[in-house]
């Protein structure tokens, strides 16, 4: 299994970013997927998820600002991040929601929101 998150960067408060997740070596079309954020000294937390059928779910702090989508034919997932806040900063990863089927976390993609 290989999961590559990309698209991070540095933006100012209120800006937008679109993260991409490319998956391989897994049955992506049957996997519920998630976006996770990690900041130094804290555990990795779930930010958004999407079922294999395309139903999204969001952590309360990002609801109504982030949009998660996927394309099963391309084994791709995206996270559109709008109205970014400094607390959205961190290293973002994508992975399987099923812990038993998770692949390596990879390097992630850094998001930095400055005021």
C-alpha atoms as a PDB file:
ATOM      1  CA  UNK A   1       0.000   0.000   0.000  1.00  0.00           C
ATOM      2  CA  UNK A   2       1.233   3.455  -0.885  1.00  0.00           C
ATOM      3  CA  UNK A   3      -0.508   6.694   0.031  1.00  0.00           C
ATOM      4  CA  UNK A   4       0.901   9.997  -1.087  1.00  0.00           C
ATOM      5  CA  UNK A   5      -0.527  13.254   0.178  1.00  0.00           C
ATOM      6  CA  UNK A   6       0.383  16.460  -1.628  1.00  0.00           C
ATOM      7  CA  UNK A   7      -0.770  20.010  -2.197  1.00  0.00           C
ATOM      8  CA  UNK A   8       0.157  21.616   1.090  1.00  0.00           C
ATOM      9  CA  UNK A   9       1.729  25.030   1.393  1.00  0.00           C
ATOM     10  CA  UNK A  10       1.797  28.302   3.258  1.00  0.00           C
ATOM     11  CA  UNK A  11      -1.213  30.576   3.135  1.00  0.00           C
ATOM     12  CA  UNK A  12      -2.631  33.470   5.068  1.00  0.00           C
ATOM     13  CA  UNK A  13      -5.709  33.316   7.229  1.00  0.00           C
ATOM     14  CA  UNK A  14      -8.791  33.040   5.074  1.00  0.00           C
ATOM     15  CA  UNK A  15      -6.941  31.428   2.207  1.00  0.00           C
ATOM     16  CA  UNK A  16      -7.578  28.084   0.530  1.00  0.00           C
ATOM     17  CA  UNK A  17      -5.635  24.971  -0.324  1.00  0.00           C
ATOM     18  CA  UNK A  18      -6.508  21.734  -2.058  1.00  0.00           C
ATOM     19  CA  UNK A  19      -4.811  18.587  -0.860  1.00  0.00           C
ATOM     20  CA  UNK A  20      -4.557  15.468  -2.994  1.00  0.00           C
ATOM     21  CA  UNK A  21      -4.135  11.847  -1.973  1.00  0.00           C
ATOM     22  CA  UNK A  22      -2.949   9.253  -4.462  1.00  0.00           C
ATOM     23  CA  UNK A  23      -3.476   5.645  -3.389  1.00  0.00           C
ATOM     24  CA  UNK A  24      -2.039   2.459  -4.815  1.00  0.00           C
ATOM     25  CA  UNK A  25      -1.686  -1.144  -3.776  1.00  0.00           C
ATOM     26  CA  UNK A  26      -5.101  -1.239  -2.132  1.00  0.00           C
ATOM     27  CA  UNK A  27      -8.724  -1.740  -3.104  1.00  0.00           C
ATOM     28  CA  UNK A  28      -9.427   1.968  -2.984  1.00  0.00           C
ATOM     29  CA  UNK A  29     -12.957   1.766  -4.350  1.00  0.00           C
ATOM     30  CA  UNK A  30     -14.038  -0.343  -1.360  1.00  0.00           C
ATOM     31  CA  UNK A  31     -12.148   1.623   1.293  1.00  0.00           C
ATOM     32  CA  UNK A  32     -13.459   4.352   3.545  1.00  0.00           C
ATOM     33  CA  UNK A  33     -10.721   6.969   3.564  1.00  0.00           C
ATOM     34  CA  UNK A  34      -9.687   9.732   5.916  1.00  0.00           C
ATOM     35  CA  UNK A  35      -7.624  12.885   6.141  1.00  0.00           C
ATOM     36  CA  UNK A  36      -5.609  13.228   9.298  1.00  0.00           C
ATOM     37  CA  UNK A  37      -3.645  16.127  10.787  1.00  0.00           C
ATOM     38  CA  UNK A  38      -0.699  15.972  13.133  1.00  0.00           C
ATOM     39  CA  UNK A  39       0.972  18.799  14.977  1.00  0.00           C
ATOM     40  CA  UNK A  40       4.127  18.519  17.058  1.00  0.00           C
ATOM     41  CA  UNK A  41       3.501  17.078  20.492  1.00  0.00           C
ATOM     42  CA  UNK A  42      -0.027  15.930  19.722  1.00  0.00           C
ATOM     43  CA  UNK A  43      -1.584  12.776  18.411  1.00  0.00           C
ATOM     44  CA  UNK A  44      -2.682  12.512  14.840  1.00  0.00           C
ATOM     45  CA  UNK A  45      -6.348  13.486  14.575  1.00  0.00           C
ATOM     46  CA  UNK A  46      -9.028  12.761  12.029  1.00  0.00           C
ATOM     47  CA  UNK A  47     -10.076  15.868  10.124  1.00  0.00           C
ATOM     48  CA  UNK A  48     -12.406  14.493   7.482  1.00  0.00           C
ATOM     49  CA  UNK A  49     -13.436  11.165   6.066  1.00  0.00           C
ATOM     50  CA  UNK A  50     -15.376   9.799   3.153  1.00  0.00           C
ATOM     51  CA  UNK A  51     -16.997   6.418   2.687  1.00  0.00           C
ATOM     52  CA  UNK A  52     -16.248   4.297  -0.353  1.00  0.00           C
ATOM     53  CA  UNK A  53     -19.651   5.385  -1.635  1.00  0.00           C
ATOM     54  CA  UNK A  54     -18.804   9.067  -1.289  1.00  0.00           C
ATOM     55  CA  UNK A  55     -20.526  10.087   1.938  1.00  0.00           C
ATOM     56  CA  UNK A  56     -18.373  12.670   3.739  1.00  0.00           C
ATOM     57  CA  UNK A  57     -17.924  13.427   7.410  1.00  0.00           C
ATOM     58  CA  UNK A  58     -16.033  16.199   9.164  1.00  0.00           C
ATOM     59  CA  UNK A  59     -14.561  17.050  12.502  1.00  0.00           C
ATOM     60  CA  UNK A  60     -16.502  19.917  14.072  1.00  0.00           C
ATOM     61  CA  UNK A  61     -13.708  22.520  13.732  1.00  0.00           C
ATOM     62  CA  UNK A  62     -13.550  22.107   9.949  1.00  0.00           C
ATOM     63  CA  UNK A  63     -17.192  21.474   9.142  1.00  0.00           C
ATOM     64  CA  UNK A  64     -18.566  23.916   6.571  1.00  0.00           C
ATOM     65  CA  UNK A  65     -15.012  24.950   5.596  1.00  0.00           C
ATOM     66  CA  UNK A  66     -13.479  21.734   4.274  1.00  0.00           C
ATOM     67  CA  UNK A  67     -14.834  19.495   1.533  1.00  0.00           C
ATOM     68  CA  UNK A  68     -13.626  15.943   0.979  1.00  0.00           C
ATOM     69  CA  UNK A  69     -14.167  14.220  -2.375  1.00  0.00           C
ATOM     70  CA  UNK A  70     -12.892  11.142  -4.127  1.00  0.00           C
ATOM     71  CA  UNK A  71     -12.643   9.500  -7.518  1.00  0.00           C
ATOM     72  CA  UNK A  72     -12.611   5.732  -7.180  1.00  0.00           C
ATOM     73  CA  UNK A  73     -11.703   5.220 -10.825  1.00  0.00           C
ATOM     74  CA  UNK A  74      -8.509   7.209 -10.274  1.00  0.00           C
ATOM     75  CA  UNK A  75      -7.832   6.011  -6.712  1.00  0.00           C
ATOM     76  CA  UNK A  76      -7.664   9.640  -5.673  1.00  0.00           C
ATOM     77  CA  UNK A  77      -9.053  11.679  -2.813  1.00  0.00           C
ATOM     78  CA  UNK A  78      -9.003  15.426  -2.270  1.00  0.00           C
ATOM     79  CA  UNK A  79      -9.500  17.837   0.577  1.00  0.00           C
ATOM     80  CA  UNK A  80     -10.602  21.341  -0.354  1.00  0.00           C
ATOM     81  CA  UNK A  81      -9.706  23.593   2.549  1.00  0.00           C
ATOM     82  CA  UNK A  82     -11.363  26.999   2.629  1.00  0.00           C
ATOM     83  CA  UNK A  83     -11.300  29.916   5.046  1.00  0.00           C
ATOM     84  CA  UNK A  84      -8.182  28.507   6.628  1.00  0.00           C
ATOM     85  CA  UNK A  85      -7.301  29.337  10.208  1.00  0.00           C
ATOM     86  CA  UNK A  86      -3.975  29.110  12.054  1.00  0.00           C
ATOM     87  CA  UNK A  87      -5.270  26.096  13.981  1.00  0.00           C
ATOM     88  CA  UNK A  88      -5.601  24.225  10.683  1.00  0.00           C
ATOM     89  CA  UNK A  89      -1.811  24.185  10.403  1.00  0.00           C
ATOM     90  CA  UNK A  90      -0.102  20.822  10.593  1.00  0.00           C
ATOM     91  CA  UNK A  91       1.122  17.844   8.676  1.00  0.00           C
ATOM     92  CA  UNK A  92      -1.704  16.240   6.743  1.00  0.00           C
ATOM     93  CA  UNK A  93      -1.911  12.568   5.872  1.00  0.00           C
ATOM     94  CA  UNK A  94      -4.401  10.339   4.130  1.00  0.00           C
ATOM     95  CA  UNK A  95      -5.108   6.748   5.011  1.00  0.00           C
ATOM     96  CA  UNK A  96      -7.641   3.994   5.273  1.00  0.00           C
ATOM     97  CA  UNK A  97     -10.277   4.481   7.963  1.00  0.00           C
ATOM     98  CA  UNK A  98     -10.027   0.768   8.709  1.00  0.00           C
ATOM     99  CA  UNK A  99      -7.125   0.548  11.126  1.00  0.00           C
ATOM    100  CA  UNK A 100      -6.511  -3.077  10.223  1.00  0.00           C
ATOM    101  CA  UNK A 101      -6.027  -2.143   6.580  1.00  0.00           C
ATOM    102  CA  UNK A 102      -3.976   1.018   6.946  1.00  0.00           C
ATOM    103  CA  UNK A 103      -0.843   1.507   4.940  1.00  0.00           C
ATOM    104  CA  UNK A 104       2.297   3.410   5.876  1.00  0.00           C
ATOM    105  CA  UNK A 105       1.605   7.035   6.776  1.00  0.00           C
ATOM    106  CA  UNK A 106       4.175   8.448   4.418  1.00  0.00           C
ATOM    107  CA  UNK A 107       5.667  11.917   4.670  1.00  0.00           C
ATOM    108  CA  UNK A 108       2.400  13.827   4.618  1.00  0.00           C
ATOM    109  CA  UNK A 109       2.005  17.343   3.300  1.00  0.00           C
ATOM    110  CA  UNK A 110       2.582  20.444   5.405  1.00  0.00           C
ATOM    111  CA  UNK A 111      -0.060  23.122   5.742  1.00  0.00           C
ATOM    112  CA  UNK A 112       0.908  26.390   7.389  1.00  0.00           C
ATOM    113  CA  UNK A 113      -1.632  29.131   7.959  1.00  0.00           C
ATOM    114  CA  UNK A 114      -0.300  32.450   9.136  1.00  0.00           C
ATOM    115  CA  UNK A 115      -2.128  35.482  10.415  1.00  0.00           C
END
